[in-house]
Amino acid sequence: QVQLVESGGGLVQAGGSLRLSCAASGRTSSGATMGWFRQARGKERDVVAAIRTRLGYTHYDYGDSVKGRFTISADHAKNTLYLQMSTLKPVDTTTYYCAADLHYRVNYALVSEYDYWGQGTQVTVSS
C-alpha cells in the first residue's frame, strides 16, 4: 500500500506561484509512475503532469494547458512529489490530486492507470 498526502494548496492572485507537495509513504518503488491531476466540479479528472522512471531514465510529461508554466519534480530521498505552478490563471482554480502507481505506465494520462490517490488540495487563483 502507498499513502499519499498533498499539501501546499491555497489562494493566490493571477500571475502568482504555488508549490504543491505530495508525501508518499508505505510501499514505494523506483520504477514508478507519479502524477498530478486536477478535477473541476462536474468535469473529468485530467492529467496535469506526470513523472515516470524506469531503468535509470526519467520521463516528464505535461498537459497542454500547463506546459511552460508548471514543473513536476520528485525528491526520492524524501519520497515527495512536487508541482511548481507559475503564472497561475483563474482557470487553474480547482482541486489537485496526487496519484501513484508502482509500475511504469505508458498511458500516464489515464486515471485508471493509477492505484493510489491522495485526498486532494484546493488551489484558488483570483483575478
N, C-alpha and C. Protein backbone atom coordinates (compact mmCIF):
# COMPACT_ATOMS: atom_id res chain seq x y z
N GLN A 1 0.83 -1.19 0.00
CA GLN A 1 0.00 0.00 0.00
C GLN A 1 0.87 1.25 0.00
N VAL A 2 0.36 2.26 -0.63
CA VAL A 2 1.03 3.55 -0.66
C VAL A 2 0.04 4.60 -0.19
N GLN A 3 0.47 5.45 0.71
CA GLN A 3 -0.35 6.55 1.17
C GLN A 3 0.22 7.85 0.61
N LEU A 4 -0.67 8.69 0.14
CA LEU A 4 -0.27 9.96 -0.46
C LEU A 4 -0.98 11.10 0.26
N VAL A 5 -0.21 12.11 0.63
CA VAL A 5 -0.78 13.26 1.31
C VAL A 5 -0.30 14.53 0.63
N GLU A 6 -1.25 15.27 0.06
CA GLU A 6 -0.91 16.53 -0.61
C GLU A 6 -0.92 17.69 0.36
N SER A 7 -0.17 18.70 0.01
CA SER A 7 -0.17 19.96 0.76
C SER A 7 0.28 21.07 -0.17
N GLY A 8 0.09 22.30 0.29
CA GLY A 8 0.59 23.44 -0.48
C GLY A 8 -0.46 24.21 -1.24
N GLY A 9 -1.68 23.72 -1.26
CA GLY A 9 -2.73 24.46 -1.94
C GLY A 9 -3.08 25.74 -1.19
N GLY A 10 -3.84 26.57 -1.85
CA GLY A 10 -4.24 27.82 -1.20
C GLY A 10 -4.77 28.82 -2.19
N LEU A 11 -4.81 30.07 -1.74
CA LEU A 11 -5.33 31.17 -2.54
C LEU A 11 -4.15 32.01 -3.04
N VAL A 12 -4.16 32.31 -4.32
CA VAL A 12 -3.09 33.11 -4.89
C VAL A 12 -3.69 34.01 -5.98
N GLN A 13 -3.08 35.14 -6.21
CA GLN A 13 -3.54 36.03 -7.27
C GLN A 13 -3.05 35.55 -8.63
N ALA A 14 -3.78 35.91 -9.64
CA ALA A 14 -3.38 35.57 -11.00
C ALA A 14 -1.97 36.07 -11.27
N GLY A 15 -1.19 35.23 -11.92
CA GLY A 15 0.21 35.54 -12.18
C GLY A 15 1.16 35.07 -11.11
N GLY A 16 0.61 34.63 -10.00
CA GLY A 16 1.42 34.18 -8.89
C GLY A 16 1.85 32.73 -9.02
N SER A 17 2.47 32.23 -7.96
CA SER A 17 3.02 30.87 -7.96
C SER A 17 2.61 30.13 -6.70
N LEU A 18 2.57 28.83 -6.82
CA LEU A 18 2.36 27.94 -5.68
C LEU A 18 3.16 26.67 -5.94
N ARG A 19 3.56 26.02 -4.85
CA ARG A 19 4.19 24.72 -4.99
C ARG A 19 3.40 23.70 -4.19
N LEU A 20 2.92 22.70 -4.88
CA LEU A 20 2.22 21.59 -4.23
C LEU A 20 3.23 20.49 -3.89
N SER A 21 2.98 19.83 -2.78
CA SER A 21 3.81 18.70 -2.36
C SER A 21 2.91 17.49 -2.16
N CYS A 22 3.48 16.33 -2.40
CA CYS A 22 2.78 15.07 -2.18
C CYS A 22 3.76 14.12 -1.50
N ALA A 23 3.50 13.87 -0.23
CA ALA A 23 4.37 12.97 0.53
C ALA A 23 3.86 11.55 0.42
N ALA A 24 4.73 10.65 0.00
CA ALA A 24 4.36 9.25 -0.17
C ALA A 24 4.95 8.42 0.96
N SER A 25 4.17 7.50 1.46
CA SER A 25 4.65 6.58 2.50
C SER A 25 4.12 5.19 2.20
N GLY A 26 4.73 4.23 2.85
CA GLY A 26 4.34 2.85 2.60
C GLY A 26 5.24 2.25 1.53
N ARG A 27 4.71 1.34 0.77
CA ARG A 27 5.48 0.65 -0.24
C ARG A 27 5.75 1.56 -1.43
N THR A 28 7.00 1.76 -1.75
CA THR A 28 7.35 2.59 -2.89
C THR A 28 8.31 1.83 -3.80
N SER A 29 8.47 2.32 -4.96
CA SER A 29 9.32 1.66 -5.94
C SER A 29 10.00 2.71 -6.79
N SER A 30 11.22 2.43 -7.17
CA SER A 30 11.91 3.38 -8.04
C SER A 30 11.37 3.31 -9.46
N GLY A 31 10.77 2.20 -9.85
CA GLY A 31 10.19 2.08 -11.19
C GLY A 31 8.73 2.47 -11.15
N ALA A 32 8.44 3.72 -10.85
CA ALA A 32 7.08 4.12 -10.56
C ALA A 32 6.61 5.22 -11.50
N THR A 33 5.33 5.38 -11.52
CA THR A 33 4.70 6.50 -12.21
C THR A 33 3.97 7.33 -11.18
N MET A 34 4.24 8.61 -11.16
CA MET A 34 3.55 9.51 -10.26
C MET A 34 3.05 10.71 -11.05
N GLY A 35 1.92 11.20 -10.66
CA GLY A 35 1.35 12.30 -11.42
C GLY A 35 0.50 13.23 -10.60
N TRP A 36 0.21 14.35 -11.18
CA TRP A 36 -0.73 15.32 -10.64
C TRP A 36 -1.91 15.42 -11.61
N PHE A 37 -3.08 15.37 -11.04
CA PHE A 37 -4.31 15.53 -11.80
C PHE A 37 -5.10 16.68 -11.19
N ARG A 38 -6.06 17.17 -11.93
CA ARG A 38 -6.97 18.15 -11.37
C ARG A 38 -8.37 17.88 -11.90
N GLN A 39 -9.32 18.27 -11.08
CA GLN A 39 -10.70 17.98 -11.42
C GLN A 39 -11.59 19.12 -11.00
N ALA A 40 -12.18 19.77 -11.97
CA ALA A 40 -13.16 20.81 -11.68
C ALA A 40 -14.50 20.14 -11.40
N ARG A 41 -15.35 20.83 -10.69
CA ARG A 41 -16.65 20.27 -10.33
C ARG A 41 -17.45 19.93 -11.58
N GLY A 42 -17.92 18.72 -11.63
CA GLY A 42 -18.74 18.29 -12.76
C GLY A 42 -17.97 17.88 -14.00
N LYS A 43 -16.65 17.87 -13.88
CA LYS A 43 -15.82 17.51 -15.03
C LYS A 43 -14.95 16.31 -14.70
N GLU A 44 -14.35 15.76 -15.73
CA GLU A 44 -13.47 14.61 -15.55
C GLU A 44 -12.14 15.04 -14.94
N ARG A 45 -11.49 14.10 -14.34
CA ARG A 45 -10.17 14.34 -13.76
C ARG A 45 -9.13 14.28 -14.87
N ASP A 46 -8.38 15.35 -15.04
CA ASP A 46 -7.42 15.46 -16.13
C ASP A 46 -5.99 15.49 -15.61
N VAL A 47 -5.10 14.93 -16.39
CA VAL A 47 -3.69 14.92 -16.00
C VAL A 47 -3.10 16.33 -16.14
N VAL A 48 -2.32 16.71 -15.17
CA VAL A 48 -1.59 17.97 -15.21
C VAL A 48 -0.14 17.71 -15.59
N ALA A 49 0.45 16.74 -14.91
CA ALA A 49 1.85 16.39 -15.17
C ALA A 49 2.12 15.01 -14.59
N ALA A 50 3.12 14.36 -15.16
CA ALA A 50 3.50 13.03 -14.68
C ALA A 50 5.01 12.87 -14.78
N ILE A 51 5.51 12.03 -13.91
CA ILE A 51 6.93 11.69 -13.92
C ILE A 51 7.03 10.18 -13.85
N ARG A 52 7.80 9.62 -14.76
CA ARG A 52 7.92 8.17 -14.88
C ARG A 52 9.38 7.80 -14.92
N THR A 53 9.74 6.82 -14.12
CA THR A 53 11.13 6.41 -14.01
C THR A 53 11.26 4.92 -14.29
N ARG A 54 12.20 4.58 -15.16
CA ARG A 54 12.45 3.19 -15.47
C ARG A 54 13.87 3.04 -15.98
N LEU A 55 14.56 2.05 -15.43
CA LEU A 55 15.93 1.70 -15.86
C LEU A 55 16.85 2.92 -15.86
N GLY A 56 16.68 3.76 -14.86
CA GLY A 56 17.57 4.91 -14.73
C GLY A 56 17.17 6.12 -15.53
N TYR A 57 16.12 6.01 -16.33
CA TYR A 57 15.66 7.15 -17.13
C TYR A 57 14.39 7.72 -16.50
N THR A 58 14.29 9.02 -16.56
CA THR A 58 13.12 9.70 -16.03
C THR A 58 12.43 10.47 -17.16
N HIS A 59 11.13 10.29 -17.27
CA HIS A 59 10.34 10.96 -18.29
C HIS A 59 9.40 11.95 -17.62
N TYR A 60 9.31 13.12 -18.20
CA TYR A 60 8.43 14.16 -17.69
C TYR A 60 7.37 14.45 -18.74
N ASP A 61 6.13 14.50 -18.30
CA ASP A 61 5.03 14.73 -19.22
C ASP A 61 4.11 15.80 -18.64
N TYR A 62 3.54 16.61 -19.54
CA TYR A 62 2.68 17.70 -19.11
C TYR A 62 1.43 17.80 -19.97
N GLY A 63 0.35 18.22 -19.31
CA GLY A 63 -0.85 18.54 -20.06
C GLY A 63 -0.62 19.80 -20.89
N ASP A 64 -1.31 19.91 -21.99
CA ASP A 64 -1.08 21.04 -22.90
C ASP A 64 -1.33 22.39 -22.22
N SER A 65 -2.30 22.44 -21.35
CA SER A 65 -2.69 23.72 -20.76
C SER A 65 -1.68 24.25 -19.73
N VAL A 66 -0.74 23.42 -19.31
CA VAL A 66 0.19 23.86 -18.27
C VAL A 66 1.64 23.86 -18.73
N LYS A 67 1.88 23.42 -19.95
CA LYS A 67 3.25 23.37 -20.46
C LYS A 67 3.88 24.76 -20.42
N GLY A 68 5.08 24.82 -19.90
CA GLY A 68 5.78 26.09 -19.79
C GLY A 68 5.46 26.87 -18.54
N ARG A 69 4.45 26.45 -17.79
CA ARG A 69 4.06 27.14 -16.57
C ARG A 69 4.26 26.28 -15.33
N PHE A 70 4.04 24.98 -15.45
CA PHE A 70 4.14 24.07 -14.32
C PHE A 70 5.35 23.16 -14.51
N THR A 71 5.94 22.77 -13.39
CA THR A 71 7.08 21.85 -13.41
C THR A 71 6.88 20.78 -12.36
N ILE A 72 6.97 19.53 -12.79
CA ILE A 72 6.87 18.41 -11.86
C ILE A 72 8.27 17.94 -11.50
N SER A 73 8.45 17.55 -10.26
CA SER A 73 9.75 17.03 -9.82
C SER A 73 9.53 16.08 -8.66
N ALA A 74 10.57 15.34 -8.35
CA ALA A 74 10.48 14.37 -7.26
C ALA A 74 11.77 14.35 -6.48
N ASP A 75 11.64 14.22 -5.19
CA ASP A 75 12.79 14.03 -4.31
C ASP A 75 12.65 12.62 -3.75
N HIS A 76 13.40 11.69 -4.32
CA HIS A 76 13.23 10.29 -3.94
C HIS A 76 13.72 10.03 -2.51
N ALA A 77 14.68 10.79 -2.08
CA ALA A 77 15.17 10.62 -0.70
C ALA A 77 14.09 10.96 0.30
N LYS A 78 13.24 11.90 -0.06
CA LYS A 78 12.16 12.31 0.82
C LYS A 78 10.83 11.66 0.45
N ASN A 79 10.81 10.88 -0.62
CA ASN A 79 9.57 10.27 -1.11
C ASN A 79 8.49 11.33 -1.31
N THR A 80 8.88 12.41 -1.92
CA THR A 80 7.95 13.52 -2.10
C THR A 80 7.93 13.96 -3.56
N LEU A 81 6.74 14.18 -4.04
CA LEU A 81 6.49 14.68 -5.39
C LEU A 81 6.08 16.13 -5.28
N TYR A 82 6.54 16.95 -6.22
CA TYR A 82 6.23 18.37 -6.21
C TYR A 82 5.59 18.79 -7.53
N LEU A 83 4.83 19.85 -7.43
CA LEU A 83 4.33 20.52 -8.62
C LEU A 83 4.52 22.02 -8.41
N GLN A 84 5.48 22.58 -9.11
CA GLN A 84 5.70 24.01 -9.07
C GLN A 84 4.82 24.67 -10.11
N MET A 85 3.94 25.53 -9.65
CA MET A 85 2.99 26.17 -10.55
C MET A 85 3.30 27.66 -10.61
N SER A 86 3.53 28.16 -11.82
CA SER A 86 3.85 29.56 -12.02
C SER A 86 2.87 30.17 -13.02
N THR A 87 2.86 31.48 -13.04
CA THR A 87 1.96 32.21 -13.95
C THR A 87 0.55 31.63 -13.87
N LEU A 88 0.07 31.51 -12.66
CA LEU A 88 -1.24 30.91 -12.44
C LEU A 88 -2.35 31.78 -13.01
N LYS A 89 -3.38 31.11 -13.49
CA LYS A 89 -4.54 31.77 -14.08
C LYS A 89 -5.79 31.35 -13.32
N PRO A 90 -6.83 32.15 -13.38
CA PRO A 90 -8.09 31.77 -12.72
C PRO A 90 -8.61 30.40 -13.19
N VAL A 91 -8.35 30.04 -14.43
CA VAL A 91 -8.82 28.73 -14.93
C VAL A 91 -8.09 27.56 -14.27
N ASP A 92 -7.00 27.85 -13.58
CA ASP A 92 -6.28 26.79 -12.86
C ASP A 92 -6.94 26.47 -11.52
N THR A 93 -7.95 27.24 -11.17
CA THR A 93 -8.66 27.03 -9.91
C THR A 93 -9.40 25.70 -9.93
N THR A 94 -9.05 24.82 -9.02
CA THR A 94 -9.72 23.55 -8.87
C THR A 94 -9.01 22.73 -7.80
N THR A 95 -9.43 21.49 -7.63
CA THR A 95 -8.78 20.58 -6.70
C THR A 95 -7.71 19.77 -7.43
N TYR A 96 -6.54 19.70 -6.84
CA TYR A 96 -5.41 18.97 -7.42
C TYR A 96 -5.16 17.70 -6.62
N TYR A 97 -4.95 16.62 -7.35
CA TYR A 97 -4.75 15.31 -6.74
C TYR A 97 -3.40 14.72 -7.14
N CYS A 98 -2.76 14.12 -6.19
CA CYS A 98 -1.54 13.37 -6.44
C CYS A 98 -1.92 11.90 -6.67
N ALA A 99 -1.23 11.26 -7.59
CA ALA A 99 -1.52 9.86 -7.89
C ALA A 99 -0.22 9.10 -8.08
N ALA A 100 -0.27 7.80 -7.79
CA ALA A 100 0.94 6.99 -7.91
C ALA A 100 0.59 5.58 -8.33
N ASP A 101 1.52 5.00 -9.05
CA ASP A 101 1.42 3.58 -9.37
C ASP A 101 2.82 2.99 -9.27
N LEU A 102 2.90 1.75 -8.84
CA LEU A 102 4.19 1.13 -8.60
C LEU A 102 4.88 0.68 -9.89
N HIS A 103 4.16 0.76 -11.00
CA HIS A 103 4.72 0.31 -12.26
C HIS A 103 4.86 1.48 -13.24
N TYR A 104 5.76 1.32 -14.19
CA TYR A 104 5.92 2.30 -15.24
C TYR A 104 4.71 2.20 -16.16
N ARG A 105 4.03 3.30 -16.32
CA ARG A 105 2.80 3.32 -17.10
C ARG A 105 2.99 4.12 -18.38
N VAL A 106 2.68 3.50 -19.49
CA VAL A 106 2.76 4.21 -20.77
C VAL A 106 1.63 5.23 -20.87
N ASN A 107 0.44 4.81 -20.47
CA ASN A 107 -0.74 5.68 -20.56
C ASN A 107 -0.89 6.51 -19.28
N TYR A 108 0.09 7.34 -19.03
CA TYR A 108 0.16 8.09 -17.77
C TYR A 108 -1.01 9.06 -17.60
N ALA A 109 -1.68 9.42 -18.67
CA ALA A 109 -2.76 10.40 -18.58
C ALA A 109 -4.09 9.79 -18.16
N LEU A 110 -4.15 8.49 -18.08
CA LEU A 110 -5.40 7.83 -17.72
C LEU A 110 -5.52 7.64 -16.22
N VAL A 111 -6.64 8.05 -15.68
CA VAL A 111 -6.90 7.89 -14.25
C VAL A 111 -6.81 6.43 -13.84
N SER A 112 -7.28 5.55 -14.71
CA SER A 112 -7.32 4.12 -14.39
C SER A 112 -5.94 3.48 -14.27
N GLU A 113 -4.90 4.19 -14.67
CA GLU A 113 -3.54 3.62 -14.61
C GLU A 113 -2.94 3.73 -13.21
N TYR A 114 -3.57 4.45 -12.33
CA TYR A 114 -3.01 4.71 -11.01
C TYR A 114 -3.77 3.98 -9.93
N ASP A 115 -3.06 3.33 -9.06
CA ASP A 115 -3.69 2.58 -7.96
C ASP A 115 -3.88 3.42 -6.71
N TYR A 116 -3.11 4.48 -6.57
CA TYR A 116 -3.13 5.22 -5.31
C TYR A 116 -3.37 6.71 -5.56
N TRP A 117 -4.18 7.29 -4.69
CA TRP A 117 -4.57 8.69 -4.83
C TRP A 117 -4.53 9.40 -3.48
N GLY A 118 -4.18 10.67 -3.54
CA GLY A 118 -4.28 11.49 -2.35
C GLY A 118 -5.68 12.05 -2.21
N GLN A 119 -5.88 12.82 -1.16
CA GLN A 119 -7.21 13.32 -0.85
C GLN A 119 -7.53 14.61 -1.59
N GLY A 120 -6.52 15.23 -2.18
CA GLY A 120 -6.72 16.45 -2.94
C GLY A 120 -6.40 17.69 -2.14
N THR A 121 -5.98 18.71 -2.85
CA THR A 121 -5.72 20.01 -2.23
C THR A 121 -6.27 21.09 -3.16
N GLN A 122 -6.92 22.07 -2.57
CA GLN A 122 -7.61 23.09 -3.34
C GLN A 122 -6.65 24.22 -3.71
N VAL A 123 -6.70 24.60 -4.97
CA VAL A 123 -5.95 25.76 -5.45
C VAL A 123 -6.97 26.76 -6.00
N THR A 124 -6.90 27.98 -5.51
CA THR A 124 -7.80 29.03 -5.96
C THR A 124 -6.97 30.20 -6.46
N VAL A 125 -7.22 30.60 -7.70
CA VAL A 125 -6.49 31.71 -8.30
C VAL A 125 -7.47 32.85 -8.54
N SER A 126 -7.25 33.96 -7.89
CA SER A 126 -8.16 35.10 -8.02
C SER A 126 -7.69 36.01 -9.15
N SER A 127 -8.65 36.63 -9.78
CA SER A 127 -8.33 37.53 -10.91
C SER A 127 -8.08 38.96 -10.44
